[in-house]
Amino acid sequence: MFKHILVPLDGSPFAESALVPACTLAHAYGSELLLTRAIPLAKDVVPGDAAEIALTLNQTQHADDYLSSVAERLRGEGYSARSALFVSDPLAGITTLATLGHADLIVMTSHLRWQPTLNKESVTLEALAHVSFPFLIWRPFLIWRDLPSSVKQPPLPTPLASPDAPIVVALDGSPFAERALPYAQTLALTFHAPLLLVRVVSQHKANTLQDTPAAAHRSSPRAGDRLLHMADAYLAQIRQSLIAQGVEARALARVGKPFQVIEALWRQEGAGLIVLATHGQRGRPPTWLGSLAERLITEVEAPLLVIPPVR
């Protein structure tokens, strides 16, 4: 499942921290690491301007040397690693090498909404909008003093998966969301980590059904309770199937807002990873990604394994 792992780098320690989970997975599955860096074309280079051309060539050589040195270091540590430099925008470089290298996982770091990003658009969100490869979005350990004053809780350490760090799997009852299960199951078995299956019943939906004439009848159970019971039954069935395959799993159904419930459970459980599938279509991130995945990517310190649709 994780035989070719693509790690986009930009020369910064922030991006390079993605090698931590990438190497962990490569060691566990014997994966090949594909390192890439994209150098954007200089738009202001005038043909014949020797100084600008020399500067561009120097930047390209420096980037290529950096990639080669990282790949060589990884090979020295026993990993299979190769690198490729692209003179293109980052998105084109990522998608090209992911396709040519038959990548089945892309590992990237990503800034949160409140972190300084030099006003650049998120390459992670852009890439997710255009490729069909699973994404592991990694969060380097964050320092409490660097958090904005609006954040009330310090971030937790972010292990990939371990017996003490359950993997949260977000489900909504659909076969589409269940596409996340094989990935979560594989990680759980490899790292001996328990799964926490979560389904959130929308408070709005529960309130809407509660207002129907049938729900208003005294002999009818509350709509929210019925929905919660159905969610419990659905999760119990999946849990039993996972247990039969040797996976430790728990299940929790909650009424509320999905983002708030999943974030709270990640913190309370000391979880290491959140796994979810996304409903995707080409377009702007809020359109193709969905509010839950988009908010988790941009607002929560949790590492995320995001499974996009096959395009």
Foldseek 3Di string as FASTA:
>chain_A
DFAEEEQEDAPDPQSVVLVVVVVVVCVLPVHEYEYEYEAEDDPPDDVPPVVVVVVSVVVQVVVVVVQVVVQVVVVVVPHHYDYDYHHHPPLVGVVVCCVVVVGQEYEGEWAAQPDDDVPDDTSVLVNLQPDQHKYWYAFDQDDQVPDDPVDDDHAADADQFAQQAEEEQEDALDPQFCVQVVVNLVVCVSRVHAYEYEHEAELVVQVVVCPDPQNVDPVHPRSVVVVQVVQVVSVVVVCVVSVVVVHHYDYDYYYYDVQVVVLVCNVVSVHNEYETEAQAHRDDSCVGGPDNVVCCRRPHSHTYTYRYHHD
